[in-house]
Structure formats: structure tokens, C-alpha cells
Amino acid sequence: MTKVVLPELGEGIEKATISYWYFKEGEKVNERDDLVELATDKATFNLPSPASGALGQIFFHEGDTVPVGEVLATIDTLDKA
């Protein structure tokens, strides 16, 4: 399992608002796919998936404001055979 964490966003930016999830829980994602759109006071940007697998639990939803460092969701990574 891989955690999707809201990264440091720049000096003085301590939170972001979730605009849109590109995938639903259980859907397959590939590493670097746009996973979630986030907005701050200064910019809107996409956060890519840190790993390939299935989108696990989403902890914050569209419209929620999230502090830097929080876990947004999990990726259930696939075991490589």
C-alpha cells in the first residue's frame, strides 16, 4: 500500500482544496496518472499518482480543505510476480 500525501506546496502555503478526483475508489491507476486536482490561493494543479495499482480509500473529498502532509488516499499496489 502506498500513501498519497499532500506535499509541501511552497513558502507560506499550508493547505489546498480538493477540486476533483480523476478516479474512484477501486479503479486502476498508473504511476504518474493525474490523480487529483488541487487548488490553493495561488494556483490550481494536478497531483500525480505515486504508484500503480488500485485507488484504495479516499480520505478527503471534493470541496475539502487539506493541510500539507495529510494522507489524501491510498493506492493498493499490485505485487509483481
PDB file of N, CA and C in Angstrom:
ATOM      1  N   MET A   1       0.853  -1.183   0.000  1.00  0.00           N
ATOM      2  CA  MET A   1       0.000   0.000   0.000  1.00  0.00           C
ATOM      3  C   MET A   1       0.897   1.244   0.000  1.00  0.00           C
ATOM      4  N   THR A   2       0.528   2.195  -0.822  1.00  0.00           N
ATOM      5  CA  THR A   2       1.245   3.466  -0.911  1.00  0.00           C
ATOM      6  C   THR A   2       0.308   4.589  -0.492  1.00  0.00           C
ATOM      7  N   LYS A   3       0.813   5.496   0.314  1.00  0.00           N
ATOM      8  CA  LYS A   3       0.009   6.642   0.741  1.00  0.00           C
ATOM      9  C   LYS A   3       0.171   7.784  -0.251  1.00  0.00           C
ATOM     10  N   VAL A   4      -0.928   8.467  -0.543  1.00  0.00           N
ATOM     11  CA  VAL A   4      -0.917   9.670  -1.370  1.00  0.00           C
ATOM     12  C   VAL A   4      -0.959  10.849  -0.395  1.00  0.00           C
ATOM     13  N   VAL A   5       0.154  11.568  -0.300  1.00  0.00           N
ATOM     14  CA  VAL A   5       0.302  12.629   0.695  1.00  0.00           C
ATOM     15  C   VAL A   5       0.320  13.984  -0.002  1.00  0.00           C
ATOM     16  N   LEU A   6      -0.345  14.960   0.591  1.00  0.00           N
ATOM     17  CA  LEU A   6      -0.280  16.326   0.071  1.00  0.00           C
ATOM     18  C   LEU A   6       1.114  16.870   0.353  1.00  0.00           C
ATOM     19  N   PRO A   7       1.901  17.133  -0.704  1.00  0.00           N
ATOM     20  CA  PRO A   7       3.294  17.555  -0.495  1.00  0.00           C
ATOM     21  C   PRO A   7       3.403  19.017  -0.081  1.00  0.00           C
ATOM     22  N   GLU A   8       4.621  19.418   0.290  1.00  0.00           N
ATOM     23  CA  GLU A   8       4.912  20.831   0.524  1.00  0.00           C
ATOM     24  C   GLU A   8       4.578  21.588  -0.758  1.00  0.00           C
ATOM     25  N   LEU A   9       3.930  22.724  -0.630  1.00  0.00           N
ATOM     26  CA  LEU A   9       3.441  23.447  -1.799  1.00  0.00           C
ATOM     27  C   LEU A   9       4.155  24.764  -2.047  1.00  0.00           C
ATOM     28  N   GLY A  10       5.051  25.129  -1.186  1.00  0.00           N
ATOM     29  CA  GLY A  10       5.752  26.401  -1.346  1.00  0.00           C
ATOM     30  C   GLY A  10       5.653  27.216  -0.077  1.00  0.00           C
ATOM     31  N   GLU A  11       6.462  28.226  -0.021  1.00  0.00           N
ATOM     32  CA  GLU A  11       6.543  29.059   1.167  1.00  0.00           C
ATOM     33  C   GLU A  11       5.207  29.729   1.477  1.00  0.00           C
ATOM     34  N   GLY A  12       4.734  29.544   2.696  1.00  0.00           N
ATOM     35  CA  GLY A  12       3.512  30.187   3.142  1.00  0.00           C
ATOM     36  C   GLY A  12       2.233  29.479   2.749  1.00  0.00           C
ATOM     37  N   ILE A  13       2.322  28.391   1.973  1.00  0.00           N
ATOM     38  CA  ILE A  13       1.112  27.654   1.588  1.00  0.00           C
ATOM     39  C   ILE A  13       0.995  26.435   2.488  1.00  0.00           C
ATOM     40  N   GLU A  14      -0.061  26.412   3.293  1.00  0.00           N
ATOM     41  CA  GLU A  14      -0.202  25.369   4.301  1.00  0.00           C
ATOM     42  C   GLU A  14      -1.354  24.422   4.036  1.00  0.00           C
ATOM     43  N   LYS A  15      -2.164  24.706   2.992  1.00  0.00           N
ATOM     44  CA  LYS A  15      -3.328  23.853   2.731  1.00  0.00           C
ATOM     45  C   LYS A  15      -3.731  23.980   1.268  1.00  0.00           C
ATOM     46  N   ALA A  16      -4.527  23.017   0.828  1.00  0.00           N
ATOM     47  CA  ALA A  16      -5.089  23.040  -0.522  1.00  0.00           C
ATOM     48  C   ALA A  16      -6.505  22.478  -0.460  1.00  0.00           C
ATOM     49  N   THR A  17      -7.309  22.864  -1.423  1.00  0.00           N
ATOM     50  CA  THR A  17      -8.686  22.370  -1.506  1.00  0.00           C
ATOM     51  C   THR A  17      -8.780  21.375  -2.663  1.00  0.00           C
ATOM     52  N   ILE A  18      -9.437  20.262  -2.412  1.00  0.00           N
ATOM     53  CA  ILE A  18      -9.614  19.250  -3.446  1.00  0.00           C
ATOM     54  C   ILE A  18     -10.697  19.720  -4.406  1.00  0.00           C
ATOM     55  N   SER A  19     -10.319  19.826  -5.685  1.00  0.00           N
ATOM     56  CA  SER A  19     -11.267  20.251  -6.714  1.00  0.00           C
ATOM     57  C   SER A  19     -11.955  19.062  -7.367  1.00  0.00           C
ATOM     58  N   TYR A  20     -11.155  18.010  -7.670  1.00  0.00           N
ATOM     59  CA  TYR A  20     -11.707  16.913  -8.455  1.00  0.00           C
ATOM     60  C   TYR A  20     -10.829  15.670  -8.342  1.00  0.00           C
ATOM     61  N   TRP A  21     -11.435  14.520  -8.093  1.00  0.00           N
ATOM     62  CA  TRP A  21     -10.740  13.231  -8.166  1.00  0.00           C
ATOM     63  C   TRP A  21     -10.942  12.669  -9.563  1.00  0.00           C
ATOM     64  N   TYR A  22      -9.870  12.268 -10.224  1.00  0.00           N
ATOM     65  CA  TYR A  22      -9.955  11.712 -11.574  1.00  0.00           C
ATOM     66  C   TYR A  22     -10.344  10.240 -11.579  1.00  0.00           C
ATOM     67  N   PHE A  23     -10.212   9.574 -10.441  1.00  0.00           N
ATOM     68  CA  PHE A  23     -10.550   8.158 -10.324  1.00  0.00           C
ATOM     69  C   PHE A  23     -11.432   7.952  -9.107  1.00  0.00           C
ATOM     70  N   LYS A  24     -12.171   6.847  -9.115  1.00  0.00           N
ATOM     71  CA  LYS A  24     -12.996   6.448  -7.972  1.00  0.00           C
ATOM     72  C   LYS A  24     -12.279   5.332  -7.211  1.00  0.00           C
ATOM     73  N   GLU A  25     -12.674   5.124  -5.958  1.00  0.00           N
ATOM     74  CA  GLU A  25     -12.101   4.037  -5.168  1.00  0.00           C
ATOM     75  C   GLU A  25     -12.252   2.723  -5.928  1.00  0.00           C
ATOM     76  N   GLY A  26     -11.182   1.944  -5.972  1.00  0.00           N
ATOM     77  CA  GLY A  26     -11.202   0.648  -6.634  1.00  0.00           C
ATOM     78  C   GLY A  26     -10.753   0.676  -8.085  1.00  0.00           C
ATOM     79  N   GLU A  27     -10.697   1.856  -8.698  1.00  0.00           N
ATOM     80  CA  GLU A  27     -10.273   1.944 -10.093  1.00  0.00           C
ATOM     81  C   GLU A  27      -8.757   1.832 -10.210  1.00  0.00           C
ATOM     82  N   LYS A  28      -8.308   1.243 -11.314  1.00  0.00           N
ATOM     83  CA  LYS A  28      -6.876   1.073 -11.570  1.00  0.00           C
ATOM     84  C   LYS A  28      -6.252   2.410 -11.978  1.00  0.00           C
ATOM     85  N   VAL A  29      -5.091   2.688 -11.392  1.00  0.00           N
ATOM     86  CA  VAL A  29      -4.326   3.889 -11.746  1.00  0.00           C
ATOM     87  C   VAL A  29      -2.899   3.465 -12.078  1.00  0.00           C
ATOM     88  N   ASN A  30      -2.252   4.248 -12.911  1.00  0.00           N
ATOM     89  CA  ASN A  30      -0.852   4.026 -13.236  1.00  0.00           C
ATOM     90  C   ASN A  30      -0.012   5.116 -12.586  1.00  0.00           C
ATOM     91  N   GLU A  31       1.215   4.765 -12.239  1.00  0.00           N
ATOM     92  CA  GLU A  31       2.122   5.760 -11.681  1.00  0.00           C
ATOM     93  C   GLU A  31       2.200   6.962 -12.623  1.00  0.00           C
ATOM     94  N   ARG A  32       2.129   8.135 -12.069  1.00  0.00           N
ATOM     95  CA  ARG A  32       2.182   9.422 -12.767  1.00  0.00           C
ATOM     96  C   ARG A  32       0.870   9.828 -13.443  1.00  0.00           C
ATOM     97  N   ASP A  33      -0.186   9.003 -13.376  1.00  0.00           N
ATOM     98  CA  ASP A  33      -1.502   9.458 -13.840  1.00  0.00           C
ATOM     99  C   ASP A  33      -1.938  10.629 -12.972  1.00  0.00           C
ATOM    100  N   ASP A  34      -2.618  11.623 -13.563  1.00  0.00           N
ATOM    101  CA  ASP A  34      -3.222  12.681 -12.747  1.00  0.00           C
ATOM    102  C   ASP A  34      -4.259  12.030 -11.851  1.00  0.00           C
ATOM    103  N   LEU A  35      -4.094  12.192 -10.551  1.00  0.00           N
ATOM    104  CA  LEU A  35      -4.956  11.522  -9.589  1.00  0.00           C
ATOM    105  C   LEU A  35      -6.014  12.468  -9.024  1.00  0.00           C
ATOM    106  N   VAL A  36      -5.586  13.665  -8.666  1.00  0.00           N
ATOM    107  CA  VAL A  36      -6.482  14.610  -8.012  1.00  0.00           C
ATOM    108  C   VAL A  36      -6.077  16.032  -8.387  1.00  0.00           C
ATOM    109  N   GLU A  37      -7.087  16.884  -8.592  1.00  0.00           N
ATOM    110  CA  GLU A  37      -6.833  18.306  -8.850  1.00  0.00           C
ATOM    111  C   GLU A  37      -6.992  19.054  -7.538  1.00  0.00           C
ATOM    112  N   LEU A  38      -6.016  19.903  -7.249  1.00  0.00           N
ATOM    113  CA  LEU A  38      -5.998  20.674  -6.009  1.00  0.00           C
ATOM    114  C   LEU A  38      -5.878  22.154  -6.320  1.00  0.00           C
ATOM    115  N   ALA A  39      -6.432  22.976  -5.443  1.00  0.00           N
ATOM    116  CA  ALA A  39      -6.359  24.428  -5.618  1.00  0.00           C
ATOM    117  C   ALA A  39      -5.857  25.068  -4.329  1.00  0.00           C
ATOM    118  N   THR A  40      -4.977  26.066  -4.513  1.00  0.00           N
ATOM    119  CA  THR A  40      -4.534  26.891  -3.392  1.00  0.00           C
ATOM    120  C   THR A  40      -4.932  28.328  -3.708  1.00  0.00           C
ATOM    121  N   ASP A  41      -4.543  29.248  -2.846  1.00  0.00           N
ATOM    122  CA  ASP A  41      -4.819  30.662  -3.104  1.00  0.00           C
ATOM    123  C   ASP A  41      -4.110  31.142  -4.369  1.00  0.00           C
ATOM    124  N   LYS A  42      -3.012  30.474  -4.721  1.00  0.00           N
ATOM    125  CA  LYS A  42      -2.172  30.953  -5.810  1.00  0.00           C
ATOM    126  C   LYS A  42      -2.271  30.155  -7.106  1.00  0.00           C
ATOM    127  N   ALA A  43      -2.681  28.890  -7.044  1.00  0.00           N
ATOM    128  CA  ALA A  43      -2.642  28.061  -8.248  1.00  0.00           C
ATOM    129  C   ALA A  43      -3.557  26.850  -8.126  1.00  0.00           C
ATOM    130  N   THR A  44      -3.873  26.285  -9.292  1.00  0.00           N
ATOM    131  CA  THR A  44      -4.557  25.001  -9.369  1.00  0.00           C
ATOM    132  C   THR A  44      -3.592  24.039 -10.046  1.00  0.00           C
ATOM    133  N   PHE A  45      -3.489  22.830  -9.511  1.00  0.00           N
ATOM    134  CA  PHE A  45      -2.534  21.874 -10.065  1.00  0.00           C
ATOM    135  C   PHE A  45      -3.039  20.453  -9.862  1.00  0.00           C
ATOM    136  N   ASN A  46      -2.460  19.522 -10.635  1.00  0.00           N
ATOM    137  CA  ASN A  46      -2.784  18.105 -10.509  1.00  0.00           C
ATOM    138  C   ASN A  46      -1.691  17.407  -9.729  1.00  0.00           C
ATOM    139  N   LEU A  47      -2.096  16.497  -8.854  1.00  0.00           N
ATOM    140  CA  LEU A  47      -1.156  15.672  -8.117  1.00  0.00           C
ATOM    141  C   LEU A  47      -1.140  14.299  -8.773  1.00  0.00           C
ATOM    142  N   PRO A  48       0.034  13.834  -9.243  1.00  0.00           N
ATOM    143  CA  PRO A  48       0.089  12.537  -9.902  1.00  0.00           C
ATOM    144  C   PRO A  48       0.100  11.386  -8.896  1.00  0.00           C
ATOM    145  N   SER A  49      -0.304  10.222  -9.374  1.00  0.00           N
ATOM    146  CA  SER A  49      -0.271   9.023  -8.548  1.00  0.00           C
ATOM    147  C   SER A  49       1.180   8.639  -8.271  1.00  0.00           C
ATOM    148  N   PRO A  50       1.522   8.329  -7.006  1.00  0.00           N
ATOM    149  CA  PRO A  50       2.896   7.953  -6.685  1.00  0.00           C
ATOM    150  C   PRO A  50       3.228   6.503  -7.042  1.00  0.00           C
ATOM    151  N   ALA A  51       2.210   5.712  -7.423  1.00  0.00           N
ATOM    152  CA  ALA A  51       2.431   4.293  -7.712  1.00  0.00           C
ATOM    153  C   ALA A  51       1.308   3.769  -8.592  1.00  0.00           C
ATOM    154  N   SER A  52       1.538   2.611  -9.196  1.00  0.00           N
ATOM    155  CA  SER A  52       0.489   1.928  -9.955  1.00  0.00           C
ATOM    156  C   SER A  52      -0.252   0.973  -9.035  1.00  0.00           C
ATOM    157  N   GLY A  53      -1.538   0.779  -9.309  1.00  0.00           N
ATOM    158  CA  GLY A  53      -2.359  -0.131  -8.511  1.00  0.00           C
ATOM    159  C   GLY A  53      -3.808   0.296  -8.575  1.00  0.00           C
ATOM    160  N   ALA A  54      -4.552  -0.031  -7.544  1.00  0.00           N
ATOM    161  CA  ALA A  54      -5.957   0.365  -7.451  1.00  0.00           C
ATOM    162  C   ALA A  54      -6.087   1.462  -6.404  1.00  0.00           C
ATOM    163  N   LEU A  55      -6.872   2.480  -6.731  1.00  0.00           N
ATOM    164  CA  LEU A  55      -7.113   3.551  -5.754  1.00  0.00           C
ATOM    165  C   LEU A  55      -7.864   2.954  -4.582  1.00  0.00           C
ATOM    166  N   GLY A  56      -7.253   3.025  -3.424  1.00  0.00           N
ATOM    167  CA  GLY A  56      -7.862   2.455  -2.215  1.00  0.00           C
ATOM    168  C   GLY A  56      -8.839   3.443  -1.607  1.00  0.00           C
ATOM    169  N   GLN A  57      -8.700   3.691  -0.334  1.00  0.00           N
ATOM    170  CA  GLN A  57      -9.615   4.586   0.368  1.00  0.00           C
ATOM    171  C   GLN A  57      -9.245   6.038   0.110  1.00  0.00           C
ATOM    172  N   ILE A  58     -10.261   6.849  -0.176  1.00  0.00           N
ATOM    173  CA  ILE A  58     -10.096   8.299  -0.300  1.00  0.00           C
ATOM    174  C   ILE A  58     -10.522   8.904   1.041  1.00  0.00           C
ATOM    175  N   PHE A  59      -9.614   9.654   1.666  1.00  0.00           N
ATOM    176  CA  PHE A  59      -9.886  10.214   2.996  1.00  0.00           C
ATOM    177  C   PHE A  59     -10.492  11.604   2.951  1.00  0.00           C
ATOM    178  N   PHE A  60     -10.263  12.342   1.865  1.00  0.00           N
ATOM    179  CA  PHE A  60     -10.814  13.684   1.709  1.00  0.00           C
ATOM    180  C   PHE A  60     -11.513  13.753   0.363  1.00  0.00           C
ATOM    181  N   HIS A  61     -12.588  14.503   0.289  1.00  0.00           N
ATOM    182  CA  HIS A  61     -13.412  14.528  -0.915  1.00  0.00           C
ATOM    183  C   HIS A  61     -13.467  15.932  -1.514  1.00  0.00           C
ATOM    184  N   GLU A  62     -14.055  16.025  -2.695  1.00  0.00           N
ATOM    185  CA  GLU A  62     -14.137  17.301  -3.408  1.00  0.00           C
ATOM    186  C   GLU A  62     -14.748  18.371  -2.506  1.00  0.00           C
ATOM    187  N   GLY A  63     -14.079  19.508  -2.455  1.00  0.00           N
ATOM    188  CA  GLY A  63     -14.523  20.610  -1.613  1.00  0.00           C
ATOM    189  C   GLY A  63     -13.840  20.657  -0.254  1.00  0.00           C
ATOM    190  N   ASP A  64     -13.194  19.546   0.149  1.00  0.00           N
ATOM    191  CA  ASP A  64     -12.495  19.520   1.438  1.00  0.00           C
ATOM    192  C   ASP A  64     -11.182  20.299   1.347  1.00  0.00           C
ATOM    193  N   THR A  65     -10.832  20.982   2.427  1.00  0.00           N
ATOM    194  CA  THR A  65      -9.549  21.658   2.531  1.00  0.00           C
ATOM    195  C   THR A  65      -8.632  20.781   3.373  1.00  0.00           C
ATOM    196  N   VAL A  66      -7.419  20.553   2.862  1.00  0.00           N
ATOM    197  CA  VAL A  66      -6.497  19.590   3.454  1.00  0.00           C
ATOM    198  C   VAL A  66      -5.175  20.268   3.796  1.00  0.00           C
ATOM    199  N   PRO A  67      -4.659  20.059   5.019  1.00  0.00           N
ATOM    200  CA  PRO A  67      -3.359  20.624   5.362  1.00  0.00           C
ATOM    201  C   PRO A  67      -2.214  19.842   4.704  1.00  0.00           C
ATOM    202  N   VAL A  68      -1.120  20.531   4.425  1.00  0.00           N
ATOM    203  CA  VAL A  68       0.084  19.902   3.882  1.00  0.00           C
ATOM    204  C   VAL A  68       0.511  18.758   4.798  1.00  0.00           C
ATOM    205  N   GLY A  69       0.907  17.640   4.193  1.00  0.00           N
ATOM    206  CA  GLY A  69       1.383  16.486   4.958  1.00  0.00           C
ATOM    207  C   GLY A  69       0.317  15.454   5.251  1.00  0.00           C
ATOM    208  N   GLU A  70      -0.953  15.780   5.023  1.00  0.00           N
ATOM    209  CA  GLU A  70      -2.045  14.828   5.273  1.00  0.00           C
ATOM    210  C   GLU A  70      -2.095  13.766   4.183  1.00  0.00           C
ATOM    211  N   VAL A  71      -2.550  12.578   4.551  1.00  0.00           N
ATOM    212  CA  VAL A  71      -2.755  11.496   3.587  1.00  0.00           C
ATOM    213  C   VAL A  71      -4.113  11.712   2.920  1.00  0.00           C
ATOM    214  N   LEU A  72      -4.089  11.874   1.584  1.00  0.00           N
ATOM    215  CA  LEU A  72      -5.322  12.106   0.826  1.00  0.00           C
ATOM    216  C   LEU A  72      -6.041  10.796   0.518  1.00  0.00           C
ATOM    217  N   ALA A  73      -5.253   9.762   0.219  1.00  0.00           N
ATOM    218  CA  ALA A  73      -5.817   8.477  -0.182  1.00  0.00           C
ATOM    219  C   ALA A  73      -4.710   7.437  -0.114  1.00  0.00           C
ATOM    220  N   THR A  74      -5.083   6.186  -0.427  1.00  0.00           N
ATOM    221  CA  THR A  74      -4.098   5.123  -0.531  1.00  0.00           C
ATOM    222  C   THR A  74      -4.179   4.478  -1.905  1.00  0.00           C
ATOM    223  N   ILE A  75      -3.065   3.920  -2.340  1.00  0.00           N
ATOM    224  CA  ILE A  75      -3.010   3.135  -3.567  1.00  0.00           C
ATOM    225  C   ILE A  75      -2.674   1.710  -3.143  1.00  0.00           C
ATOM    226  N   ASP A  76      -3.540   0.774  -3.494  1.00  0.00           N
ATOM    227  CA  ASP A  76      -3.278  -0.638  -3.236  1.00  0.00           C
ATOM    228  C   ASP A  76      -2.394  -1.124  -4.368  1.00  0.00           C
ATOM    229  N   THR A  77      -1.104  -1.237  -4.093  1.00  0.00           N
ATOM    230  CA  THR A  77      -0.147  -1.575  -5.138  1.00  0.00           C
ATOM    231  C   THR A  77      -0.253  -3.055  -5.486  1.00  0.00           C
ATOM    232  N   LEU A  78       0.059  -3.335  -6.732  1.00  0.00           N
ATOM    233  CA  LEU A  78      -0.017  -4.710  -7.216  1.00  0.00           C
ATOM    234  C   LEU A  78       1.324  -5.393  -6.996  1.00  0.00           C
ATOM    235  N   ASP A  79       1.261  -6.614  -6.481  1.00  0.00           N
ATOM    236  CA  ASP A  79       2.500  -7.392  -6.295  1.00  0.00           C
ATOM    237  C   ASP A  79       3.021  -7.804  -7.648  1.00  0.00           C
ATOM    238  N   LYS A  80       4.315  -7.657  -7.846  1.00  0.00           N
ATOM    239  CA  LYS A  80       4.921  -8.058  -9.112  1.00  0.00           C
ATOM    240  C   LYS A  80       5.316  -9.519  -9.032  1.00  0.00           C
ATOM    241  N   ALA A  81       4.836 -10.308  -9.986  1.00  0.00           N
ATOM    242  CA  ALA A  81       5.126 -11.745  -9.978  1.00  0.00           C
ATOM    243  C   ALA A  81       6.447 -12.026 -10.659  1.00  0.00           C
TER     244      ALA A  81
END
